[in-house]
Amino acid sequence: MQQAQVEAFFDDNTNTFSYLVIDPETLACAIIDSVLDYDAASATTSTQHADQIIGYVQKHQLTVHWILETHVHADHLTAAQYLKSRLGGKIAMSDQISQVQRTFSKIYNLDIKGINADQHFDYLFSAGEHFKIGQLEAYGLATPGHTPACLSYVVGDAVFVGDTLFMHDYGTARCDFPGGSAEQLYDSVQKLYALAETTRVFLCHDYLPASRQHYVFQSSIATQKNCNIHIHTGVSKNKFIQMREQRDATLSMPKLILPAIQINMLAGTFPKPEANGERYLKLPLNYFSSVSSD
């Protein structure tokens, strides 16, 4: 089985791992789950994290073919547009992004017809669709549950799972965002567990439980199947759904969800400038408090 070279870049402000997936033969690469730095207090963006990736690409003379998103992130802004402007490549994710765009267009009162007519992603993968990174064989594995548009990327002997799984000592992703489903997440994890047990699993986040001192970004299918505290072999679907829904009911909203989703569901595109030349984010006042109390 082909083995990709994988380089991880950690953003400690959002506990996010971004990846460069490199074909060592051709030096073609893909960037997965990039981060645009964002200061919520001042609504200011910067590019320190993305610039680390750019520096590595340029130093090693890599060619970016793809800028991939595993899902519409709620905890950080994507740097996809900035990276494309500097390095090229196609911004891509699951074709189920339309579900997320439709749902959140209503929440933000955005023009869904305009979004459909001017799709900001360069390419949308259907479930199971194959593609290449240089000579590396890759395909998208639909893994909804955390969001309807979650897509894990299988590249040679590696899989990039987004927020579907965390480290085995931390468990699985929440499923209480609009369109999320604990039942779907269970089924999605079973798809991942059907991969070869030696498959390397690369995680989008690590939240450093009290049981260890160091951040970790890589696991394996065998380790997850045997040791994941939420969904190891032998955990029934009903038991998992009950655990996940009870746990999700105790979680607060991610701090950056409101700015992040309206940017990320448009492939990292900022809102158009208004008459004064400034760009503005929208915040739906009291929307989620009213939803959670229903």
C-alpha atoms as a PDB file:
ATOM      1  CA  MET A   1       0.000   0.000   0.000  1.00  0.00           C
ATOM      2  CA  GLN A   2       1.260   3.479  -0.846  1.00  0.00           C
ATOM      3  CA  GLN A   3       2.590   5.558   2.023  1.00  0.00           C
ATOM      4  CA  ALA A   4       2.183   9.301   1.947  1.00  0.00           C
ATOM      5  CA  GLN A   5       4.555  11.643   3.725  1.00  0.00           C
ATOM      6  CA  VAL A   6       2.527  13.552   6.306  1.00  0.00           C
ATOM      7  CA  GLU A   7       3.575  16.785   8.005  1.00  0.00           C
ATOM      8  CA  ALA A   8       1.442  18.137  10.865  1.00  0.00           C
ATOM      9  CA  PHE A   9       1.045  21.793  11.904  1.00  0.00           C
ATOM     10  CA  PHE A  10      -0.574  22.533  15.266  1.00  0.00           C
ATOM     11  CA  ASP A  11      -2.568  25.631  16.161  1.00  0.00           C
ATOM     12  CA  ASP A  12      -2.676  25.750  19.947  1.00  0.00           C
ATOM     13  CA  ASN A  13      -5.311  28.505  20.015  1.00  0.00           C
ATOM     14  CA  THR A  14      -7.918  26.135  18.548  1.00  0.00           C
ATOM     15  CA  ASN A  15      -6.273  22.755  19.287  1.00  0.00           C
ATOM     16  CA  THR A  16      -6.300  22.073  15.554  1.00  0.00           C
ATOM     17  CA  PHE A  17      -3.933  19.983  13.456  1.00  0.00           C
ATOM     18  CA  SER A  18      -3.528  20.907   9.801  1.00  0.00           C
ATOM     19  CA  TYR A  19      -1.703  18.583   7.444  1.00  0.00           C
ATOM     20  CA  LEU A  20       0.444  18.506   4.369  1.00  0.00           C
ATOM     21  CA  VAL A  21       0.055  15.186   2.563  1.00  0.00           C
ATOM     22  CA  ILE A  22       2.971  14.718   0.198  1.00  0.00           C
ATOM     23  CA  ASP A  23       3.749  12.326  -2.618  1.00  0.00           C
ATOM     24  CA  PRO A  24       7.525  11.883  -2.181  1.00  0.00           C
ATOM     25  CA  GLU A  25       7.930  10.784  -5.805  1.00  0.00           C
ATOM     26  CA  THR A  26       6.404  13.823  -7.520  1.00  0.00           C
ATOM     27  CA  LEU A  27       6.439  16.369  -4.629  1.00  0.00           C
ATOM     28  CA  ALA A  28       2.749  16.975  -5.254  1.00  0.00           C
ATOM     29  CA  CYS A  29       0.813  17.673  -2.071  1.00  0.00           C
ATOM     30  CA  ALA A  30      -2.540  18.447  -0.502  1.00  0.00           C
ATOM     31  CA  ILE A  31      -3.275  20.716   2.445  1.00  0.00           C
ATOM     32  CA  ILE A  32      -5.953  19.427   4.825  1.00  0.00           C
ATOM     33  CA  ASP A  33      -7.924  21.517   7.359  1.00  0.00           C
ATOM     34  CA  SER A  34      -5.972  24.769   7.363  1.00  0.00           C
ATOM     35  CA  VAL A  35      -6.389  27.484  10.008  1.00  0.00           C
ATOM     36  CA  LEU A  36      -6.730  31.245   9.610  1.00  0.00           C
ATOM     37  CA  ASP A  37      -5.782  32.984  12.846  1.00  0.00           C
ATOM     38  CA  TYR A  38      -8.683  34.976  14.278  1.00  0.00           C
ATOM     39  CA  ASP A  39      -8.842  37.294  17.264  1.00  0.00           C
ATOM     40  CA  ALA A  40     -12.474  37.298  18.370  1.00  0.00           C
ATOM     41  CA  ALA A  41     -12.198  40.418  20.545  1.00  0.00           C
ATOM     42  CA  SER A  42     -11.123  42.610  17.633  1.00  0.00           C
ATOM     43  CA  ALA A  43     -12.557  40.512  14.760  1.00  0.00           C
ATOM     44  CA  THR A  44      -9.090  40.528  13.211  1.00  0.00           C
ATOM     45  CA  THR A  45      -7.597  37.816  11.024  1.00  0.00           C
ATOM     46  CA  SER A  46      -3.927  37.026  10.511  1.00  0.00           C
ATOM     47  CA  THR A  47      -1.954  34.305   8.774  1.00  0.00           C
ATOM     48  CA  GLN A  48       0.801  33.060  11.080  1.00  0.00           C
ATOM     49  CA  HIS A  49      -0.385  29.441  11.045  1.00  0.00           C
ATOM     50  CA  ALA A  50      -0.979  29.334   7.295  1.00  0.00           C
ATOM     51  CA  ASP A  51       2.386  30.981   6.677  1.00  0.00           C
ATOM     52  CA  GLN A  52       4.104  28.045   8.379  1.00  0.00           C
ATOM     53  CA  ILE A  53       2.552  25.750   5.778  1.00  0.00           C
ATOM     54  CA  ILE A  54       3.513  28.119   2.960  1.00  0.00           C
ATOM     55  CA  GLY A  55       7.074  28.216   4.244  1.00  0.00           C
ATOM     56  CA  TYR A  56       7.315  24.429   4.262  1.00  0.00           C
ATOM     57  CA  VAL A  57       5.831  24.121   0.761  1.00  0.00           C
ATOM     58  CA  GLN A  58       8.234  26.681  -0.651  1.00  0.00           C
ATOM     59  CA  LYS A  59      11.302  25.342   1.177  1.00  0.00           C
ATOM     60  CA  HIS A  60      10.716  21.820  -0.111  1.00  0.00           C
ATOM     61  CA  GLN A  61       9.556  22.923  -3.574  1.00  0.00           C
ATOM     62  CA  LEU A  62       6.191  21.193  -3.328  1.00  0.00           C
ATOM     63  CA  THR A  63       3.295  21.670  -5.731  1.00  0.00           C
ATOM     64  CA  VAL A  64      -0.129  22.076  -4.117  1.00  0.00           C
ATOM     65  CA  HIS A  65      -2.819  20.149  -6.005  1.00  0.00           C
ATOM     66  CA  TRP A  66      -5.595  20.263  -3.410  1.00  0.00           C
ATOM     67  CA  ILE A  67      -6.698  22.317  -0.420  1.00  0.00           C
ATOM     68  CA  LEU A  68      -9.075  19.916   1.318  1.00  0.00           C
ATOM     69  CA  GLU A  69     -11.671  20.454   4.029  1.00  0.00           C
ATOM     70  CA  THR A  70     -12.969  17.502   6.029  1.00  0.00           C
ATOM     71  CA  HIS A  71     -16.076  19.498   7.013  1.00  0.00           C
ATOM     72  CA  VAL A  72     -17.356  22.987   7.780  1.00  0.00           C
ATOM     73  CA  HIS A  73     -15.447  23.702  10.969  1.00  0.00           C
ATOM     74  CA  ALA A  74     -17.144  25.426  13.897  1.00  0.00           C
ATOM     75  CA  ASP A  75     -14.023  26.055  15.983  1.00  0.00           C
ATOM     76  CA  HIS A  76     -11.711  27.878  13.586  1.00  0.00           C
ATOM     77  CA  LEU A  77     -11.687  29.799  10.317  1.00  0.00           C
ATOM     78  CA  THR A  78     -10.187  28.127   7.272  1.00  0.00           C
ATOM     79  CA  ALA A  79      -7.231  29.703   5.492  1.00  0.00           C
ATOM     80  CA  ALA A  80      -8.184  28.019   2.192  1.00  0.00           C
ATOM     81  CA  GLN A  81      -8.554  31.194   0.126  1.00  0.00           C
ATOM     82  CA  TYR A  82      -5.322  32.691   1.418  1.00  0.00           C
ATOM     83  CA  LEU A  83      -3.408  29.482   0.744  1.00  0.00           C
ATOM     84  CA  LYS A  84      -4.869  29.217  -2.750  1.00  0.00           C
ATOM     85  CA  SER A  85      -3.841  32.792  -3.514  1.00  0.00           C
ATOM     86  CA  ARG A  86      -0.254  32.016  -2.472  1.00  0.00           C
ATOM     87  CA  LEU A  87       0.186  28.402  -3.559  1.00  0.00           C
ATOM     88  CA  GLY A  88      -2.540  27.488  -6.044  1.00  0.00           C
ATOM     89  CA  GLY A  89      -4.520  24.261  -5.813  1.00  0.00           C
ATOM     90  CA  LYS A  90      -8.227  23.444  -5.825  1.00  0.00           C
ATOM     91  CA  ILE A  91     -10.334  24.008  -2.702  1.00  0.00           C
ATOM     92  CA  ALA A  92     -12.536  20.945  -2.243  1.00  0.00           C
ATOM     93  CA  MET A  93     -14.842  19.135   0.164  1.00  0.00           C
ATOM     94  CA  SER A  94     -17.943  16.918   0.187  1.00  0.00           C
ATOM     95  CA  ASP A  95     -20.813  17.631  -2.185  1.00  0.00           C
ATOM     96  CA  GLN A  96     -23.049  17.469   0.898  1.00  0.00           C
ATOM     97  CA  ILE A  97     -21.890  21.004   1.707  1.00  0.00           C
ATOM     98  CA  SER A  98     -25.172  22.060   0.114  1.00  0.00           C
ATOM     99  CA  GLN A  99     -27.012  20.777   3.197  1.00  0.00           C
ATOM    100  CA  VAL A 100     -24.881  22.922   5.499  1.00  0.00           C
ATOM    101  CA  GLN A 101     -25.189  25.972   3.230  1.00  0.00           C
ATOM    102  CA  ARG A 102     -28.958  25.596   3.057  1.00  0.00           C
ATOM    103  CA  THR A 103     -29.341  25.228   6.839  1.00  0.00           C
ATOM    104  CA  PHE A 104     -27.054  28.090   7.823  1.00  0.00           C
ATOM    105  CA  SER A 105     -28.207  30.416   5.063  1.00  0.00           C
ATOM    106  CA  LYS A 106     -31.536  30.473   6.885  1.00  0.00           C
ATOM    107  CA  ILE A 107     -29.833  31.106  10.226  1.00  0.00           C
ATOM    108  CA  TYR A 108     -27.715  33.981   8.829  1.00  0.00           C
ATOM    109  CA  ASN A 109     -30.430  35.177   6.408  1.00  0.00           C
ATOM    110  CA  LEU A 110     -28.097  34.774   3.441  1.00  0.00           C
ATOM    111  CA  ASP A 111     -29.074  34.400  -0.212  1.00  0.00           C
ATOM    112  CA  ILE A 112     -28.974  30.641  -0.820  1.00  0.00           C
ATOM    113  CA  LYS A 113     -29.799  31.104  -4.504  1.00  0.00           C
ATOM    114  CA  GLY A 114     -26.772  33.334  -4.870  1.00  0.00           C
ATOM    115  CA  ILE A 115     -24.612  30.801  -3.035  1.00  0.00           C
ATOM    116  CA  ASN A 116     -25.830  28.006  -5.322  1.00  0.00           C
ATOM    117  CA  ALA A 117     -25.190  30.112  -8.416  1.00  0.00           C
ATOM    118  CA  ASP A 118     -21.680  31.081  -7.301  1.00  0.00           C
ATOM    119  CA  GLN A 119     -20.240  28.013  -5.551  1.00  0.00           C
ATOM    120  CA  HIS A 120     -17.059  29.054  -3.770  1.00  0.00           C
ATOM    121  CA  PHE A 121     -15.516  25.580  -3.641  1.00  0.00           C
ATOM    122  CA  ASP A 122     -13.520  24.640  -6.724  1.00  0.00           C
ATOM    123  CA  TYR A 123     -14.538  20.999  -6.517  1.00  0.00           C
ATOM    124  CA  LEU A 124     -17.065  18.903  -4.582  1.00  0.00           C
ATOM    125  CA  PHE A 125     -16.422  15.205  -4.049  1.00  0.00           C
ATOM    126  CA  SER A 126     -19.182  12.644  -4.182  1.00  0.00           C
ATOM    127  CA  ALA A 127     -19.016   9.809  -1.636  1.00  0.00           C
ATOM    128  CA  GLY A 128     -16.385   7.262  -2.608  1.00  0.00           C
ATOM    129  CA  GLU A 129     -14.950   9.390  -5.411  1.00  0.00           C
ATOM    130  CA  HIS A 130     -11.311   8.668  -6.220  1.00  0.00           C
ATOM    131  CA  PHE A 131      -8.666  11.284  -6.968  1.00  0.00           C
ATOM    132  CA  LYS A 132      -4.892  11.603  -6.940  1.00  0.00           C
ATOM    133  CA  ILE A 133      -2.251  13.607  -5.128  1.00  0.00           C
ATOM    134  CA  GLY A 134       0.606  13.183  -7.572  1.00  0.00           C
ATOM    135  CA  GLN A 135       0.840   9.391  -7.838  1.00  0.00           C
ATOM    136  CA  LEU A 136      -0.867   8.785  -4.490  1.00  0.00           C
ATOM    137  CA  GLU A 137      -4.289   7.169  -4.780  1.00  0.00           C
ATOM    138  CA  ALA A 138      -6.930   8.847  -2.630  1.00  0.00           C
ATOM    139  CA  TYR A 139     -10.680   8.804  -2.134  1.00  0.00           C
ATOM    140  CA  GLY A 140     -13.319  10.443   0.010  1.00  0.00           C
ATOM    141  CA  LEU A 141     -15.191   8.371   2.585  1.00  0.00           C
ATOM    142  CA  ALA A 142     -18.486   9.964   3.643  1.00  0.00           C
ATOM    143  CA  THR A 143     -18.528  10.110   7.457  1.00  0.00           C
ATOM    144  CA  PRO A 144     -21.523  12.296   8.445  1.00  0.00           C
ATOM    145  CA  GLY A 145     -22.745  12.666  11.999  1.00  0.00           C
ATOM    146  CA  HIS A 146     -20.755  15.554  13.415  1.00  0.00           C
ATOM    147  CA  THR A 147     -22.060  17.498  10.399  1.00  0.00           C
ATOM    148  CA  PRO A 148     -23.919  16.293   7.283  1.00  0.00           C
ATOM    149  CA  ALA A 149     -20.929  17.124   5.069  1.00  0.00           C
ATOM    150  CA  CYS A 150     -18.113  15.357   6.913  1.00  0.00           C
ATOM    151  CA  LEU A 151     -15.741  13.605   4.513  1.00  0.00           C
ATOM    152  CA  SER A 152     -12.718  11.581   5.589  1.00  0.00           C
ATOM    153  CA  TYR A 153      -9.858  11.358   3.095  1.00  0.00           C
ATOM    154  CA  VAL A 154      -8.170   7.994   2.593  1.00  0.00           C
ATOM    155  CA  VAL A 155      -4.712   8.515   1.076  1.00  0.00           C
ATOM    156  CA  GLY A 156      -2.673   5.346   0.650  1.00  0.00           C
ATOM    157  CA  ASP A 157      -2.241   3.838   4.123  1.00  0.00           C
ATOM    158  CA  ALA A 158      -3.581   6.926   5.913  1.00  0.00           C
ATOM    159  CA  VAL A 159      -6.996   8.404   6.668  1.00  0.00           C
ATOM    160  CA  PHE A 160      -7.734  11.988   7.718  1.00  0.00           C
ATOM    161  CA  VAL A 161     -10.909  11.868   9.784  1.00  0.00           C
ATOM    162  CA  GLY A 162     -11.624  15.505  10.668  1.00  0.00           C
ATOM    163  CA  ASP A 163     -13.744  15.642  13.823  1.00  0.00           C
ATOM    164  CA  THR A 164     -15.290  12.178  13.423  1.00  0.00           C
ATOM    165  CA  LEU A 165     -12.847  10.611  15.876  1.00  0.00           C
ATOM    166  CA  PHE A 166     -10.507  12.081  18.452  1.00  0.00           C
ATOM    167  CA  MET A 167      -7.692  10.265  20.218  1.00  0.00           C
ATOM    168  CA  HIS A 168      -8.896   7.020  21.736  1.00  0.00           C
ATOM    169  CA  ASP A 169      -8.645   8.491  25.251  1.00  0.00           C
ATOM    170  CA  TYR A 170     -10.933  11.413  24.309  1.00  0.00           C
ATOM    171  CA  GLY A 171     -13.581   9.709  22.186  1.00  0.00           C
ATOM    172  CA  THR A 172     -15.741  11.097  19.417  1.00  0.00           C
ATOM    173  CA  ALA A 173     -17.127  14.369  18.074  1.00  0.00           C
ATOM    174  CA  ARG A 174     -20.308  16.063  19.218  1.00  0.00           C
ATOM    175  CA  CYS A 175     -23.436  15.644  17.082  1.00  0.00           C
ATOM    176  CA  ASP A 176     -25.707  18.448  18.286  1.00  0.00           C
ATOM    177  CA  PHE A 177     -25.015  21.028  15.576  1.00  0.00           C
ATOM    178  CA  PRO A 178     -27.810  21.598  13.027  1.00  0.00           C
ATOM    179  CA  GLY A 179     -27.936  18.505  10.826  1.00  0.00           C
ATOM    180  CA  GLY A 180     -25.809  16.414  13.192  1.00  0.00           C
ATOM    181  CA  SER A 181     -26.768  12.852  14.117  1.00  0.00           C
ATOM    182  CA  ALA A 182     -25.334  10.458  16.697  1.00  0.00           C
ATOM    183  CA  GLU A 183     -26.862   7.570  14.763  1.00  0.00           C
ATOM    184  CA  GLN A 184     -25.068   8.633  11.596  1.00  0.00           C
ATOM    185  CA  LEU A 185     -21.808   9.140  13.472  1.00  0.00           C
ATOM    186  CA  TYR A 186     -21.947   5.578  14.782  1.00  0.00           C
ATOM    187  CA  ASP A 187     -22.413   4.248  11.258  1.00  0.00           C
ATOM    188  CA  SER A 188     -19.629   6.480   9.952  1.00  0.00           C
ATOM    189  CA  VAL A 189     -17.167   5.194  12.529  1.00  0.00           C
ATOM    190  CA  GLN A 190     -18.022   1.632  11.500  1.00  0.00           C
ATOM    191  CA  LYS A 191     -16.962   2.587   7.938  1.00  0.00           C
ATOM    192  CA  LEU A 192     -13.641   3.770   9.307  1.00  0.00           C
ATOM    193  CA  TYR A 193     -13.249   0.614  11.383  1.00  0.00           C
ATOM    194  CA  ALA A 194     -13.668  -1.445   8.207  1.00  0.00           C
ATOM    195  CA  LEU A 195     -10.353  -0.036   6.918  1.00  0.00           C
ATOM    196  CA  ALA A 196      -7.192  -2.069   7.425  1.00  0.00           C
ATOM    197  CA  GLU A 197      -6.232  -2.075  11.107  1.00  0.00           C
ATOM    198  CA  THR A 198      -2.762  -0.789  10.225  1.00  0.00           C
ATOM    199  CA  THR A 199      -4.237   2.333   8.601  1.00  0.00           C
ATOM    200  CA  ARG A 200      -2.740   5.485  10.087  1.00  0.00           C
ATOM    201  CA  VAL A 201      -5.447   7.782  11.492  1.00  0.00           C
ATOM    202  CA  PHE A 202      -4.752  11.522  11.485  1.00  0.00           C
ATOM    203  CA  LEU A 203      -6.950  13.639  13.755  1.00  0.00           C
ATOM    204  CA  CYS A 204      -8.067  17.229  13.367  1.00  0.00           C
ATOM    205  CA  HIS A 205      -8.001  18.022  17.094  1.00  0.00           C
ATOM    206  CA  ASP A 206      -6.495  16.946  20.366  1.00  0.00           C
ATOM    207  CA  TYR A 207      -7.784  18.380  23.633  1.00  0.00           C
ATOM    208  CA  LEU A 208      -5.167  16.823  25.938  1.00  0.00           C
ATOM    209  CA  PRO A 209      -7.070  14.899  28.610  1.00  0.00           C
ATOM    210  CA  ALA A 210      -5.651  14.896  32.125  1.00  0.00           C
ATOM    211  CA  SER A 211      -4.266  11.379  31.616  1.00  0.00           C
ATOM    212  CA  ARG A 212      -1.373  12.604  29.408  1.00  0.00           C
ATOM    213  CA  GLN A 213       0.931  15.579  28.992  1.00  0.00           C
ATOM    214  CA  HIS A 214       1.576  15.774  25.249  1.00  0.00           C
ATOM    215  CA  TYR A 215      -0.586  16.537  22.235  1.00  0.00           C
ATOM    216  CA  VAL A 216      -0.965  13.667  19.772  1.00  0.00           C
ATOM    217  CA  PHE A 217      -2.222  13.767  16.189  1.00  0.00           C
ATOM    218  CA  GLN A 218      -1.829  10.178  14.962  1.00  0.00           C
ATOM    219  CA  SER A 219      -3.541   6.951  15.903  1.00  0.00           C
ATOM    220  CA  SER A 220      -4.442   3.732  14.070  1.00  0.00           C
ATOM    221  CA  ILE A 221      -7.636   1.920  13.183  1.00  0.00           C
ATOM    222  CA  ALA A 222      -6.641  -0.967  15.462  1.00  0.00           C
ATOM    223  CA  THR A 223      -6.100   1.353  18.428  1.00  0.00           C
ATOM    224  CA  GLN A 224      -9.390   3.151  17.878  1.00  0.00           C
ATOM    225  CA  LYS A 225     -11.350  -0.100  17.491  1.00  0.00           C
ATOM    226  CA  ASN A 226      -9.875  -1.568  20.637  1.00  0.00           C
ATOM    227  CA  CYS A 227      -9.510   1.461  22.893  1.00  0.00           C
ATOM    228  CA  ASN A 228     -11.752   4.404  21.934  1.00  0.00           C
ATOM    229  CA  ILE A 229     -13.576   5.302  25.127  1.00  0.00           C
ATOM    230  CA  HIS A 230     -16.831   6.101  23.316  1.00  0.00           C
ATOM    231  CA  ILE A 231     -17.004   3.617  20.469  1.00  0.00           C
ATOM    232  CA  HIS A 232     -14.684   0.626  20.795  1.00  0.00           C
ATOM    233  CA  THR A 233     -15.611  -2.800  19.498  1.00  0.00           C
ATOM    234  CA  GLY A 234     -18.619  -4.106  21.419  1.00  0.00           C
ATOM    235  CA  VAL A 235     -20.345  -0.752  21.993  1.00  0.00           C
ATOM    236  CA  SER A 236     -23.874  -0.993  20.567  1.00  0.00           C
ATOM    237  CA  LYS A 237     -25.438   1.722  18.453  1.00  0.00           C
ATOM    238  CA  ASN A 238     -28.142   2.408  21.051  1.00  0.00           C
ATOM    239  CA  LYS A 239     -25.604   2.696  23.856  1.00  0.00           C
ATOM    240  CA  PHE A 240     -23.459   5.062  21.790  1.00  0.00           C
ATOM    241  CA  ILE A 241     -26.419   7.256  20.801  1.00  0.00           C
ATOM    242  CA  GLN A 242     -27.547   7.517  24.416  1.00  0.00           C
ATOM    243  CA  MET A 243     -24.036   8.446  25.599  1.00  0.00           C
ATOM    244  CA  ARG A 244     -23.453  10.942  22.801  1.00  0.00           C
ATOM    245  CA  GLU A 245     -26.787  12.736  23.183  1.00  0.00           C
ATOM    246  CA  GLN A 246     -26.474  12.955  26.960  1.00  0.00           C
ATOM    247  CA  ARG A 247     -22.935  14.298  26.690  1.00  0.00           C
ATOM    248  CA  ASP A 248     -23.808  16.790  23.953  1.00  0.00           C
ATOM    249  CA  ALA A 249     -26.577  18.239  26.110  1.00  0.00           C
ATOM    250  CA  THR A 250     -23.924  19.414  28.584  1.00  0.00           C
ATOM    251  CA  LEU A 251     -21.621  21.103  26.042  1.00  0.00           C
ATOM    252  CA  SER A 252     -21.473  24.831  25.419  1.00  0.00           C
ATOM    253  CA  MET A 253     -21.304  26.342  21.943  1.00  0.00           C
ATOM    254  CA  PRO A 254     -17.820  26.567  20.398  1.00  0.00           C
ATOM    255  CA  LYS A 255     -16.490  30.088  20.901  1.00  0.00           C
ATOM    256  CA  LEU A 256     -15.931  30.744  17.196  1.00  0.00           C
ATOM    257  CA  ILE A 257     -18.908  28.924  15.699  1.00  0.00           C
ATOM    258  CA  LEU A 258     -20.798  32.058  14.578  1.00  0.00           C
ATOM    259  CA  PRO A 259     -17.952  33.721  12.688  1.00  0.00           C
ATOM    260  CA  ALA A 260     -16.426  30.415  11.576  1.00  0.00           C
ATOM    261  CA  ILE A 261     -19.354  28.745   9.864  1.00  0.00           C
ATOM    262  CA  GLN A 262     -20.397  31.723   7.746  1.00  0.00           C
ATOM    263  CA  ILE A 263     -16.814  31.931   6.439  1.00  0.00           C
ATOM    264  CA  ASN A 264     -16.094  28.211   6.184  1.00  0.00           C
ATOM    265  CA  MET A 265     -19.283  27.194   4.382  1.00  0.00           C
ATOM    266  CA  LEU A 266     -18.136  29.548   1.597  1.00  0.00           C
ATOM    267  CA  ALA A 267     -14.667  27.982   1.326  1.00  0.00           C
ATOM    268  CA  GLY A 268     -13.058  30.705   3.428  1.00  0.00           C
ATOM    269  CA  THR A 269     -14.472  33.603   1.396  1.00  0.00           C
ATOM    270  CA  PHE A 270     -15.043  36.800   3.373  1.00  0.00           C
ATOM    271  CA  PRO A 271     -18.312  38.757   3.031  1.00  0.00           C
ATOM    272  CA  LYS A 272     -18.323  41.356   0.283  1.00  0.00           C
ATOM    273  CA  PRO A 273     -17.394  44.917   1.325  1.00  0.00           C
ATOM    274  CA  GLU A 274     -20.310  47.212   2.075  1.00  0.00           C
ATOM    275  CA  ALA A 275     -20.707  50.803   0.859  1.00  0.00           C
ATOM    276  CA  ASN A 276     -18.029  52.068   3.256  1.00  0.00           C
ATOM    277  CA  GLY A 277     -15.523  49.495   2.020  1.00  0.00           C
ATOM    278  CA  GLU A 278     -15.625  47.402   5.202  1.00  0.00           C
ATOM    279  CA  ARG A 279     -16.601  43.738   5.521  1.00  0.00           C
ATOM    280  CA  TYR A 280     -19.018  42.625   8.237  1.00  0.00           C
ATOM    281  CA  LEU A 281     -19.851  39.302   9.867  1.00  0.00           C
ATOM    282  CA  LYS A 282     -23.408  38.543  10.938  1.00  0.00           C
ATOM    283  CA  LEU A 283     -24.379  37.270  14.395  1.00  0.00           C
ATOM    284  CA  PRO A 284     -27.911  35.898  14.865  1.00  0.00           C
ATOM    285  CA  LEU A 285     -28.864  37.296  18.268  1.00  0.00           C
ATOM    286  CA  ASN A 286     -30.499  34.771  20.655  1.00  0.00           C
ATOM    287  CA  TYR A 287     -31.066  32.268  17.843  1.00  0.00           C
ATOM    288  CA  PHE A 288     -29.268  29.348  19.396  1.00  0.00           C
ATOM    289  CA  SER A 289     -30.567  29.998  22.913  1.00  0.00           C
ATOM    290  CA  SER A 290     -34.119  29.783  21.564  1.00  0.00           C
ATOM    291  CA  VAL A 291     -33.327  26.629  19.602  1.00  0.00           C
ATOM    292  CA  SER A 292     -31.745  24.896  22.600  1.00  0.00           C
ATOM    293  CA  SER A 293     -34.746  25.675  24.798  1.00  0.00           C
ATOM    294  CA  ASP A 294     -37.282  24.166  22.384  1.00  0.00           C
END
